[in-house]
Amino acid sequence: MKRQRIPAGKSQSGVALIALLVLLILAGSYAFYRSANIGLGRHERDAALTTTLAKAKEALIAYALLDDNKPGRMPCPDVAGDGISPILTREDCEGWATGNPEIYAGWLPWKTLGLADGNDDFGTRLHYVISRNYAGDRKTPPINSETPTSIRLDVAAGSPSNGVVALIIAPRGERDGPNADGDEFFQSGQSRESGDNDLIAAVTRQELMAAVEKRMAAEVRNCLEQHAQHAGNPGATYPWPAPLSNAIFKGQADRKSVV
């Protein structure tokens, strides 16, 4: 029986076809591997940046909590780019002028807050915005759970306050347009594209005051206990309550009612 010989041209074409198929498989595998790694890299960067913003937020609340002169007051923004909050030399933070929106804006004072860095995952400085009532050195209004806020985050122009005290903005390049126009309205980025990719962490009035009020309650409790344990206080009693109509908040002995 004679063997059928395959022409040399057909044999080479078959080998070339197999080689091409192998190349296509390898190219597809590489593209999938590269795409998966890029996606994983983006996820890791986003997770790291979210952690950075969370730490900055915690540091801001801690700073406000530990202010002995005005608990709840946050640091002024860094305006020199050195990571340091300027020392107050007047009632308002540096950079604010009468007639401007009721906010202070600049970079995050990361050195003042004791943070390791002040940049986002693109190497861009983190921006920081604070409602005017929660910084500066004015005596009024006092900082409490009813102090008005002036920042508007992800709300339409003209909307009422949504209780945001401060913002930390990771621009990841250039700041998005709504966050760089100098007004009090800010918007979170909706994509990965430049101009619409700002990542924002907000400090709300509720979060801030929950920490401040807890500190104040602890201080009041400590004062009451010190009064009760005072050596000259027979019977280790707490102070008498002050009547609600008493403007000097001084307790009256043997008073049965505070109304």
Protein backbone atom coordinates (compact mmCIF):
# COMPACT_ATOMS: atom_id res chain seq x y z
CA MET A 1 0.00 0.00 0.00
CA LYS A 2 1.45 3.36 -1.00
CA ARG A 3 1.59 6.26 1.44
CA GLN A 4 -0.09 9.42 0.26
CA ARG A 5 2.39 12.21 0.37
CA ILE A 6 1.22 15.60 1.58
CA PRO A 7 2.54 18.38 -0.59
CA ALA A 8 5.16 20.51 1.12
CA GLY A 9 3.11 23.69 0.67
CA LYS A 10 0.06 22.25 2.45
CA SER A 11 2.20 20.89 5.29
CA GLN A 12 3.78 24.29 5.91
CA SER A 13 0.38 25.99 5.77
CA GLY A 14 -0.93 23.65 8.45
CA VAL A 15 2.04 24.34 10.72
CA ALA A 16 1.62 28.08 10.22
CA LEU A 17 -2.08 27.83 11.08
CA ILE A 18 -1.33 25.97 14.30
CA ALA A 19 1.37 28.52 15.20
CA LEU A 20 -1.06 31.37 14.54
CA LEU A 21 -3.69 29.71 16.73
CA VAL A 22 -1.15 29.31 19.55
CA LEU A 23 -0.16 32.98 19.23
CA LEU A 24 -3.80 34.06 19.39
CA ILE A 25 -4.36 31.96 22.52
CA LEU A 26 -1.24 33.42 24.17
CA ALA A 27 -2.21 36.96 23.22
CA GLY A 28 -5.70 36.47 24.62
CA SER A 29 -4.31 35.00 27.83
CA TYR A 30 -1.90 37.91 28.23
CA ALA A 31 -4.64 40.46 27.61
CA PHE A 32 -6.85 38.80 30.22
CA TYR A 33 -3.97 38.58 32.70
CA ARG A 34 -3.04 42.23 32.15
CA SER A 35 -6.66 43.38 32.44
CA ALA A 36 -7.14 41.40 35.65
CA ASN A 37 -3.95 42.83 37.13
CA ILE A 38 -4.91 46.40 36.19
CA GLY A 39 -8.31 45.88 37.79
CA LEU A 40 -6.71 44.43 40.90
CA GLY A 41 -4.24 47.32 41.03
CA ARG A 42 -7.05 49.87 40.82
CA HIS A 43 -8.97 48.08 43.54
CA GLU A 44 -5.93 48.08 45.81
CA ARG A 45 -5.28 51.78 45.16
CA ASP A 46 -8.90 52.67 45.83
CA ALA A 47 -8.87 50.66 49.06
CA ALA A 48 -5.62 52.32 50.19
CA LEU A 49 -7.00 55.79 49.43
CA THR A 50 -10.23 55.04 51.29
CA THR A 51 -8.11 54.07 54.31
CA THR A 52 -6.07 57.29 53.98
CA LEU A 53 -9.23 59.40 53.96
CA ALA A 54 -10.68 57.50 56.93
CA LYS A 55 -7.51 58.13 58.96
CA ALA A 56 -7.59 61.82 58.05
CA LYS A 57 -11.22 62.03 59.14
CA GLU A 58 -10.45 60.37 62.48
CA ALA A 59 -7.53 62.75 63.01
CA LEU A 60 -9.72 65.80 62.37
CA ILE A 61 -12.34 64.66 64.87
CA ALA A 62 -9.64 63.88 67.44
CA TYR A 63 -8.10 67.33 66.96
CA ALA A 64 -11.47 69.00 67.48
CA LEU A 65 -12.20 66.81 70.48
CA LEU A 66 -8.96 67.78 72.24
CA ASP A 67 -9.25 71.55 71.76
CA ASP A 68 -9.25 72.86 75.35
CA ASN A 69 -10.44 76.38 74.50
CA LYS A 70 -13.27 75.45 72.16
CA PRO A 71 -14.05 71.73 71.97
CA GLY A 72 -15.34 70.87 68.50
CA ARG A 73 -13.19 73.43 66.70
CA MET A 74 -11.23 72.03 63.75
CA PRO A 75 -7.86 73.24 62.43
CA CYS A 76 -7.61 75.90 59.76
CA PRO A 77 -6.61 74.64 56.29
CA ASP A 78 -2.98 74.60 55.19
CA VAL A 79 -2.56 77.53 52.79
CA ALA A 80 1.23 77.39 52.35
CA GLY A 81 1.49 73.78 51.19
CA ASP A 82 3.70 72.74 54.11
CA GLY A 83 1.15 70.48 55.82
CA ILE A 84 0.81 72.83 58.81
CA SER A 85 -2.30 74.65 59.99
CA PRO A 86 -1.39 78.35 60.41
CA ILE A 87 -1.45 79.86 63.88
CA LEU A 88 -4.54 82.04 64.24
CA THR A 89 -3.69 85.73 64.26
CA ARG A 90 -7.27 86.93 63.81
CA GLU A 91 -10.80 85.64 64.20
CA ASP A 92 -10.89 83.87 60.82
CA CYS A 93 -8.59 81.37 59.16
CA GLU A 94 -6.06 82.66 56.63
CA GLY A 95 -7.39 83.14 53.11
CA TRP A 96 -10.98 84.01 54.01
CA ALA A 97 -12.37 87.41 53.07
CA THR A 98 -15.67 89.09 53.89
CA GLY A 99 -18.28 88.29 51.30
CA ASN A 100 -16.86 84.89 50.40
CA PRO A 101 -18.85 81.69 51.04
CA GLU A 102 -18.93 80.69 54.71
CA ILE A 103 -16.18 78.11 54.29
CA TYR A 104 -12.42 77.89 54.71
CA ALA A 105 -10.60 75.96 51.98
CA GLY A 106 -7.03 74.84 51.39
CA TRP A 107 -4.92 71.73 51.79
CA LEU A 108 -5.19 69.17 54.57
CA PRO A 109 -2.80 70.14 57.43
CA TRP A 110 -1.51 66.59 57.69
CA LYS A 111 1.56 67.43 59.78
CA THR A 112 -0.57 69.31 62.32
CA LEU A 113 -2.84 66.26 62.51
CA GLY A 114 0.11 63.88 63.00
CA LEU A 115 -0.50 61.95 59.78
CA ALA A 116 2.24 60.24 57.79
CA ASP A 117 1.36 61.83 54.46
CA GLY A 118 -0.97 64.35 52.86
CA ASN A 119 -1.27 62.99 49.31
CA ASP A 120 -3.73 60.82 47.41
CA ASP A 121 -2.81 57.81 45.24
CA PHE A 122 -1.89 60.14 42.35
CA GLY A 123 0.56 62.07 44.52
CA THR A 124 -1.81 65.04 44.62
CA ARG A 125 -2.26 66.95 47.88
CA LEU A 126 -5.47 66.25 49.75
CA HIS A 127 -7.78 69.26 49.86
CA TYR A 128 -9.66 70.28 52.99
CA VAL A 129 -12.81 72.37 53.40
CA ILE A 130 -14.33 73.41 56.73
CA SER A 131 -17.55 75.25 57.63
CA ARG A 132 -16.61 78.69 58.98
CA ASN A 133 -18.56 78.19 62.23
CA TYR A 134 -16.35 75.22 63.14
CA ALA A 135 -12.93 76.86 62.87
CA GLY A 136 -11.34 80.24 63.49
CA ASP A 137 -11.24 82.10 66.78
CA ARG A 138 -14.61 83.84 66.94
CA LYS A 139 -16.52 83.57 70.21
CA THR A 140 -19.89 83.25 68.46
CA PRO A 141 -21.63 81.14 67.56
CA PRO A 142 -20.72 78.49 70.14
CA ILE A 143 -20.07 75.02 68.76
CA ASN A 144 -22.84 72.61 69.67
CA SER A 145 -25.31 70.21 68.03
CA GLU A 146 -27.30 73.13 66.62
CA THR A 147 -24.45 75.16 65.14
CA PRO A 148 -25.26 75.78 61.44
CA THR A 149 -23.06 74.26 58.74
CA SER A 150 -22.34 75.86 55.39
CA ILE A 151 -21.00 73.01 53.22
CA ARG A 152 -23.35 71.36 50.73
CA LEU A 153 -22.28 67.94 49.50
CA ASP A 154 -24.02 66.26 46.54
CA VAL A 155 -27.08 68.49 46.79
CA ALA A 156 -28.53 70.90 44.28
CA ALA A 157 -27.76 74.60 44.54
CA GLY A 158 -30.12 76.29 46.97
CA SER A 159 -30.73 73.14 49.02
CA PRO A 160 -30.75 73.46 52.81
CA SER A 161 -27.87 72.34 55.00
CA ASN A 162 -27.14 68.64 55.03
CA GLY A 163 -25.15 68.78 58.25
CA VAL A 164 -21.63 68.53 56.77
CA VAL A 165 -18.94 70.18 58.89
CA ALA A 166 -15.82 69.38 56.86
CA LEU A 167 -14.64 67.63 53.70
CA ILE A 168 -11.40 65.88 52.77
CA ILE A 169 -11.07 65.74 48.99
CA ALA A 170 -8.76 63.39 47.08
CA PRO A 171 -8.69 64.96 43.59
CA ARG A 172 -6.57 62.21 42.00
CA GLY A 173 -5.14 64.79 39.63
CA GLU A 174 -7.07 67.96 38.93
CA ARG A 175 -10.07 68.74 41.12
CA ASP A 176 -13.46 68.24 39.52
CA GLY A 177 -15.10 71.43 38.31
CA PRO A 178 -17.83 71.62 41.00
CA ASN A 179 -15.16 71.29 43.69
CA ALA A 180 -12.82 73.95 42.33
CA ASP A 181 -15.21 76.83 41.63
CA GLY A 182 -14.91 78.44 45.07
CA ASP A 183 -18.52 78.07 46.24
CA GLU A 184 -19.95 75.94 49.07
CA PHE A 185 -21.37 73.20 46.83
CA PHE A 186 -19.34 70.02 46.35
CA GLN A 187 -19.86 66.83 44.37
CA SER A 188 -18.40 63.32 44.61
CA GLY A 189 -16.84 61.93 41.43
CA GLN A 190 -18.90 59.42 39.49
CA SER A 191 -16.19 57.76 37.36
CA ARG A 192 -12.45 57.18 36.99
CA GLU A 193 -12.12 59.90 34.39
CA SER A 194 -10.28 63.14 35.18
CA GLY A 195 -12.80 65.87 35.92
CA ASP A 196 -15.25 63.46 37.51
CA ASN A 197 -13.19 61.31 39.88
CA ASP A 198 -12.84 63.25 43.16
CA LEU A 199 -13.13 60.96 46.17
CA ILE A 200 -14.58 62.76 49.21
CA ALA A 201 -14.77 61.91 52.91
CA ALA A 202 -17.22 64.02 54.93
CA VAL A 203 -17.25 64.83 58.64
CA THR A 204 -20.84 65.36 59.70
CA ARG A 205 -22.08 67.48 62.59
CA GLN A 206 -23.62 64.37 64.16
CA GLU A 207 -20.29 62.50 64.10
CA LEU A 208 -18.35 65.44 65.49
CA MET A 209 -20.79 66.32 68.27
CA ALA A 210 -21.19 62.69 69.33
CA ALA A 211 -17.47 62.71 70.20
CA VAL A 212 -17.46 66.21 71.72
CA GLU A 213 -20.55 65.65 73.87
CA LYS A 214 -19.08 62.40 75.18
CA ARG A 215 -15.96 64.30 76.26
CA MET A 216 -18.00 67.06 77.91
CA ALA A 217 -20.17 64.53 79.76
CA ALA A 218 -17.01 62.84 81.08
CA GLU A 219 -15.65 66.19 82.28
CA VAL A 220 -18.91 67.07 84.05
CA ARG A 221 -18.93 63.66 85.70
CA ASN A 222 -15.35 64.17 86.86
CA CYS A 223 -16.23 67.57 88.34
CA LEU A 224 -19.23 66.10 90.20
CA GLU A 225 -17.10 63.30 91.61
CA GLN A 226 -14.40 65.73 92.71
CA HIS A 227 -17.05 67.84 94.48
CA ALA A 228 -18.44 64.78 96.25
CA GLN A 229 -14.97 63.64 97.35
CA HIS A 230 -13.80 67.06 98.54
CA ALA A 231 -12.43 66.92 102.07
CA GLY A 232 -14.51 69.86 103.22
CA ASN A 233 -17.75 68.41 101.88
CA PRO A 234 -19.45 66.49 104.75
CA GLY A 235 -21.38 63.42 103.69
CA ALA A 236 -19.71 63.34 100.26
CA THR A 237 -22.70 64.85 98.50
CA TYR A 238 -23.13 66.18 95.00
CA PRO A 239 -23.88 69.90 94.47
CA TRP A 240 -27.45 71.14 94.58
CA PRO A 241 -29.00 71.70 91.13
CA ALA A 242 -29.39 75.20 89.76
CA PRO A 243 -32.95 76.31 88.93
CA LEU A 244 -33.67 76.55 85.22
CA SER A 245 -34.46 80.22 85.75
CA ASN A 246 -31.05 80.82 87.34
CA ALA A 247 -28.89 82.61 84.75
CA ILE A 248 -25.69 82.17 86.78
CA PHE A 249 -26.13 78.36 87.03
CA LYS A 250 -25.47 78.31 90.78
CA GLY A 251 -27.06 75.58 92.88
CA GLN A 252 -29.28 76.46 95.82
CA ALA A 253 -29.03 74.39 98.99
CA ASP A 254 -32.10 72.46 100.17
CA ARG A 255 -33.95 73.35 96.98
CA LYS A 256 -36.35 70.52 96.15
CA SER A 257 -37.20 71.66 92.65
CA VAL A 258 -35.18 73.01 89.76
CA VAL A 259 -38.12 74.71 88.03
